[in-house]
Amino acid sequence: MNPRQRRGAILMMLAGICAIALFFISISWVGSVNAKVSPLVKTYQAKSEIPAYSVIEEDDIEAVEIPKRWASTSATTDIESLIGERVAFNVGEGTYLSDDMLLPRSSLNEDEREIALTVDAKTGIAGRVQTGDFVDVYAVFTNEDGNNGTSQVLVRNVRVVSVRGIETETAKSGDSFAEEQIVPVTLALQPKAALAVTYADAFAASVRLVGLPPGVSSKNRSGEPELVRRGDLDELEDGS
């Protein structure tokens, strides 16, 4: 093959490579055009960061149109379903809002109040309690010396409003700090009971949830013990 033939062959190869490149560029362009002209859906995104548990206001969001195939199945397309709702976690600027980012609306009665407790993930029953279950709330109070404490029932037949996942917090233990796994649980309480549980959560040695079998919450439980002292435990240990 003489030099002229070699140059011709090289030019033909370059022309073939260019043709292939143009082919793929054309396919990509056609695909982008199809994406833009496909059915659009209106959704909403955060104008700026929305802190967790904040109430969404109209100024916090803006409407954007995106191809329907790009929108998630839970994407919120109705502004009325966003305004006045609370986000469950920090939402970054530009994030598309969806139903699974929102806290469920409260189902409280007029004479109920919501109160949140943190239940120990290891010693509590958080893994066994679900939204809609009923529980008793117990508290353990101790004297300054740690002896002769009491365990008592604060309130019975409490409805669980919500249960969140396991979280980690740093707690002080003596002169050191340790990480503990907790589960936030929200309860629906009468106002007086809410005060009692709030007090116990602040000053009791521990507050526990006691799970109830189905149907127990509707029965008369006035015969069940309300308080246990150290002396009562001594009687149990003696077998009396």
Protein backbone atom coordinates (compact mmCIF):
# COMPACT_ATOMS: atom_id res chain seq x y z
CA MET A 1 0.00 0.00 0.00
CA ASN A 2 1.50 3.29 -1.12
CA PRO A 3 1.36 6.49 0.98
CA ARG A 4 -1.67 7.85 -0.90
CA GLN A 5 -3.63 4.66 -0.22
CA ARG A 6 -2.65 4.75 3.48
CA ARG A 7 -3.87 8.34 3.78
CA GLY A 8 -7.12 7.38 2.11
CA ALA A 9 -7.62 4.46 4.50
CA ILE A 10 -6.92 6.67 7.53
CA LEU A 11 -9.39 9.29 6.30
CA MET A 12 -12.02 6.62 5.79
CA MET A 13 -11.47 5.32 9.34
CA LEU A 14 -11.74 8.83 10.77
CA ALA A 15 -14.90 9.41 8.76
CA GLY A 16 -16.37 6.18 10.15
CA ILE A 17 -15.49 7.16 13.73
CA CYS A 18 -17.07 10.58 13.24
CA ALA A 19 -20.19 8.98 11.80
CA ILE A 20 -20.52 6.68 14.81
CA ALA A 21 -20.00 9.62 17.22
CA LEU A 22 -22.65 11.65 15.39
CA PHE A 23 -25.03 8.70 15.58
CA PHE A 24 -24.76 8.47 19.37
CA ILE A 25 -24.98 12.26 19.75
CA SER A 26 -28.17 12.22 17.71
CA ILE A 27 -29.65 9.45 19.87
CA SER A 28 -28.80 11.39 23.03
CA TRP A 29 -30.35 14.57 21.63
CA VAL A 30 -33.52 12.78 20.58
CA GLY A 31 -33.75 11.22 24.04
CA SER A 32 -33.42 14.60 25.74
CA VAL A 33 -36.08 16.07 23.49
CA ASN A 34 -38.42 13.20 24.26
CA ALA A 35 -37.85 13.71 27.97
CA LYS A 36 -38.71 17.40 27.69
CA VAL A 37 -41.83 16.93 25.63
CA SER A 38 -43.17 13.99 27.65
CA PRO A 39 -46.15 14.67 29.98
CA LEU A 40 -45.20 17.16 32.68
CA VAL A 41 -46.41 17.16 36.27
CA LYS A 42 -46.42 20.03 38.75
CA THR A 43 -44.61 19.33 41.97
CA TYR A 44 -43.10 21.45 44.73
CA GLN A 45 -39.61 21.99 46.04
CA ALA A 46 -38.13 23.84 49.02
CA LYS A 47 -37.00 27.39 48.27
CA SER A 48 -34.58 27.19 51.20
CA GLU A 49 -33.78 24.75 53.99
CA ILE A 50 -36.81 23.80 56.10
CA PRO A 51 -35.84 22.70 59.64
CA ALA A 52 -37.31 19.49 61.05
CA TYR A 53 -40.80 19.79 62.58
CA SER A 54 -41.33 23.23 61.00
CA VAL A 55 -44.75 24.14 59.65
CA ILE A 56 -44.66 24.52 55.86
CA GLU A 57 -45.82 27.92 54.67
CA GLU A 58 -46.49 29.07 51.12
CA ASP A 59 -43.30 31.15 51.05
CA ASP A 60 -41.22 28.05 51.86
CA ILE A 61 -41.99 26.23 48.61
CA GLU A 62 -42.21 26.85 44.88
CA ALA A 63 -43.95 25.02 42.08
CA VAL A 64 -41.88 23.36 39.36
CA GLU A 65 -42.84 21.25 36.36
CA ILE A 66 -40.89 18.10 35.68
CA PRO A 67 -41.47 15.13 33.37
CA LYS A 68 -43.91 12.76 34.98
CA ARG A 69 -41.51 9.85 34.72
CA TRP A 70 -38.99 11.74 36.87
CA ALA A 71 -41.47 12.34 39.69
CA SER A 72 -41.52 9.86 42.56
CA THR A 73 -44.72 7.97 43.29
CA SER A 74 -45.06 9.88 46.58
CA ALA A 75 -44.34 13.33 45.11
CA THR A 76 -46.77 15.97 46.35
CA THR A 77 -48.68 17.61 43.51
CA ASP A 78 -51.34 19.44 45.54
CA ILE A 79 -50.23 22.57 47.39
CA GLU A 80 -53.18 22.27 49.79
CA SER A 81 -51.72 19.03 51.10
CA LEU A 82 -48.47 20.82 52.00
CA ILE A 83 -49.45 24.15 53.55
CA GLY A 84 -49.77 23.84 57.32
CA GLU A 85 -48.12 20.41 57.47
CA ARG A 86 -44.89 19.68 59.36
CA VAL A 87 -41.76 18.09 57.91
CA ALA A 88 -40.37 15.08 59.78
CA PHE A 89 -36.69 15.98 59.24
CA ASN A 90 -34.47 18.72 57.82
CA VAL A 91 -35.32 19.37 54.18
CA GLY A 92 -32.56 20.89 52.07
CA GLU A 93 -32.95 23.70 49.55
CA GLY A 94 -34.21 22.46 46.20
CA THR A 95 -35.52 19.17 47.60
CA TYR A 96 -38.72 17.93 45.97
CA LEU A 97 -41.37 17.44 48.63
CA SER A 98 -43.22 14.16 48.97
CA ASP A 99 -45.89 12.75 51.25
CA ASP A 100 -43.44 10.53 53.14
CA MET A 101 -41.53 13.63 54.33
CA LEU A 102 -44.53 14.91 56.30
CA LEU A 103 -45.55 14.13 59.85
CA PRO A 104 -49.01 12.55 60.07
CA ARG A 105 -51.77 14.85 61.28
CA SER A 106 -52.77 14.57 64.89
CA SER A 107 -55.82 12.42 65.67
CA LEU A 108 -56.36 13.89 69.14
CA ASN A 109 -59.75 14.46 70.68
CA GLU A 110 -60.59 17.88 72.13
CA ASP A 111 -59.81 16.68 75.67
CA GLU A 112 -56.49 15.03 74.76
CA ARG A 113 -52.96 16.38 74.68
CA GLU A 114 -49.88 15.01 72.95
CA ILE A 115 -46.75 14.32 74.97
CA ALA A 116 -43.51 12.79 73.73
CA LEU A 117 -41.35 10.43 75.77
CA THR A 118 -38.02 8.85 74.98
CA VAL A 119 -38.06 5.13 75.69
CA ASP A 120 -34.86 3.18 76.21
CA ALA A 121 -34.42 1.01 73.12
CA LYS A 122 -32.93 -1.88 75.14
CA THR A 123 -34.97 -2.01 78.35
CA GLY A 124 -38.15 -0.43 76.99
CA ILE A 125 -40.75 -2.08 74.79
CA ALA A 126 -40.38 0.33 71.90
CA GLY A 127 -39.91 -2.50 69.43
CA ARG A 128 -43.24 -3.99 70.49
CA VAL A 129 -45.32 -0.81 70.49
CA GLN A 130 -46.93 0.56 67.35
CA THR A 131 -49.12 3.54 66.54
CA GLY A 132 -52.66 2.89 67.80
CA ASP A 133 -51.61 0.51 70.60
CA PHE A 134 -52.56 1.14 74.23
CA VAL A 135 -50.05 1.13 77.09
CA ASP A 136 -49.73 1.88 80.79
CA VAL A 137 -47.15 4.39 81.97
CA TYR A 138 -45.13 3.45 85.07
CA ALA A 139 -42.62 5.57 86.97
CA VAL A 140 -39.94 4.68 89.52
CA PHE A 141 -39.15 7.27 92.20
CA THR A 142 -36.19 6.93 94.57
CA ASN A 143 -35.01 8.80 97.64
CA GLU A 144 -31.79 10.80 97.62
CA ASP A 145 -29.89 7.80 98.98
CA GLY A 146 -31.35 5.58 96.25
CA ASN A 147 -33.21 3.32 98.70
CA ASN A 148 -36.86 2.82 99.65
CA GLY A 149 -38.13 3.89 96.28
CA THR A 150 -41.56 3.30 94.82
CA SER A 151 -42.83 2.02 91.51
CA GLN A 152 -46.26 3.36 90.62
CA VAL A 153 -48.76 3.53 87.81
CA LEU A 154 -49.04 7.07 86.46
CA VAL A 155 -51.84 6.44 83.98
CA ARG A 156 -53.53 3.46 82.36
CA ASN A 157 -54.89 2.78 78.88
CA VAL A 158 -52.87 5.42 77.05
CA ARG A 159 -53.14 5.57 73.27
CA VAL A 160 -49.88 5.65 71.30
CA VAL A 161 -50.01 8.40 68.67
CA SER A 162 -46.70 7.75 66.95
CA VAL A 163 -43.47 5.78 67.29
CA ARG A 164 -40.27 6.91 65.61
CA GLY A 165 -37.16 4.93 64.84
CA ILE A 166 -34.17 4.34 67.09
CA GLU A 167 -32.05 7.43 67.75
CA THR A 168 -28.76 7.89 69.58
CA GLU A 169 -28.23 10.56 72.23
CA THR A 170 -25.36 11.42 74.56
CA ALA A 171 -26.27 11.20 78.24
CA LYS A 172 -24.25 11.99 81.34
CA SER A 173 -23.52 9.05 83.61
CA GLY A 174 -21.66 10.17 86.75
CA ASP A 175 -18.60 12.08 85.61
CA SER A 176 -18.59 10.66 82.10
CA PHE A 177 -20.77 10.72 79.02
CA ALA A 178 -22.17 7.71 77.18
CA GLU A 179 -24.27 7.17 74.09
CA GLU A 180 -27.72 5.67 74.58
CA GLN A 181 -30.21 4.34 72.06
CA ILE A 182 -33.68 5.77 72.53
CA VAL A 183 -37.03 5.68 70.73
CA PRO A 184 -39.30 8.78 70.78
CA VAL A 185 -42.90 7.75 71.51
CA THR A 186 -45.81 10.20 71.43
CA LEU A 187 -48.83 9.53 73.66
CA ALA A 188 -52.35 10.98 73.81
CA LEU A 189 -53.20 11.98 77.38
CA GLN A 190 -55.83 13.83 79.36
CA PRO A 191 -54.44 17.20 80.59
CA LYS A 192 -54.04 16.07 84.23
CA ALA A 193 -52.35 12.84 83.18
CA ALA A 194 -50.09 14.80 80.83
CA LEU A 195 -48.90 16.88 83.79
CA ALA A 196 -48.19 13.75 85.84
CA VAL A 197 -46.22 12.10 83.05
CA THR A 198 -44.29 15.32 82.34
CA TYR A 199 -43.33 15.59 86.02
CA ALA A 200 -42.25 11.95 86.15
CA ASP A 201 -40.25 12.27 82.95
CA ALA A 202 -38.29 15.14 84.53
CA PHE A 203 -37.82 13.86 88.10
CA ALA A 204 -38.39 10.10 88.23
CA ALA A 205 -35.48 7.68 88.09
CA SER A 206 -37.12 6.06 85.07
CA VAL A 207 -40.39 6.06 83.15
CA ARG A 208 -41.52 2.89 81.39
CA LEU A 209 -44.27 1.90 78.99
CA VAL A 210 -46.10 -1.33 79.80
CA GLY A 211 -47.77 -3.00 76.83
CA LEU A 212 -51.35 -4.25 77.02
CA PRO A 213 -52.95 -7.23 75.29
CA PRO A 214 -55.69 -6.42 72.75
CA GLY A 215 -58.98 -5.46 74.41
CA VAL A 216 -57.58 -4.82 77.90
CA SER A 217 -57.78 -1.04 77.48
CA SER A 218 -61.60 -1.20 77.43
CA LYS A 219 -61.95 -3.25 80.65
CA ASN A 220 -62.32 -2.10 84.25
CA ARG A 221 -58.89 -2.44 85.80
CA SER A 222 -59.55 -0.75 89.13
CA GLY A 223 -58.53 -3.91 90.98
CA GLU A 224 -54.96 -3.84 89.70
CA PRO A 225 -52.22 -2.55 92.06
CA GLU A 226 -51.23 1.09 91.68
CA LEU A 227 -48.09 1.27 93.84
CA VAL A 228 -45.25 -0.98 94.95
CA ARG A 229 -42.79 -0.11 97.76
CA ARG A 230 -39.61 -1.79 98.88
CA GLY A 231 -41.46 -3.55 101.67
CA ASP A 232 -43.83 -5.15 99.18
CA LEU A 233 -40.84 -6.65 97.38
CA ASP A 234 -39.52 -8.00 100.67
CA GLU A 235 -42.83 -9.80 101.18
CA LEU A 236 -42.57 -11.34 97.70
CA GLU A 237 -39.03 -12.50 98.41
CA ASP A 238 -40.24 -14.11 101.66
CA GLY A 239 -42.91 -15.97 99.71
CA SER A 240 -45.80 -14.44 101.66
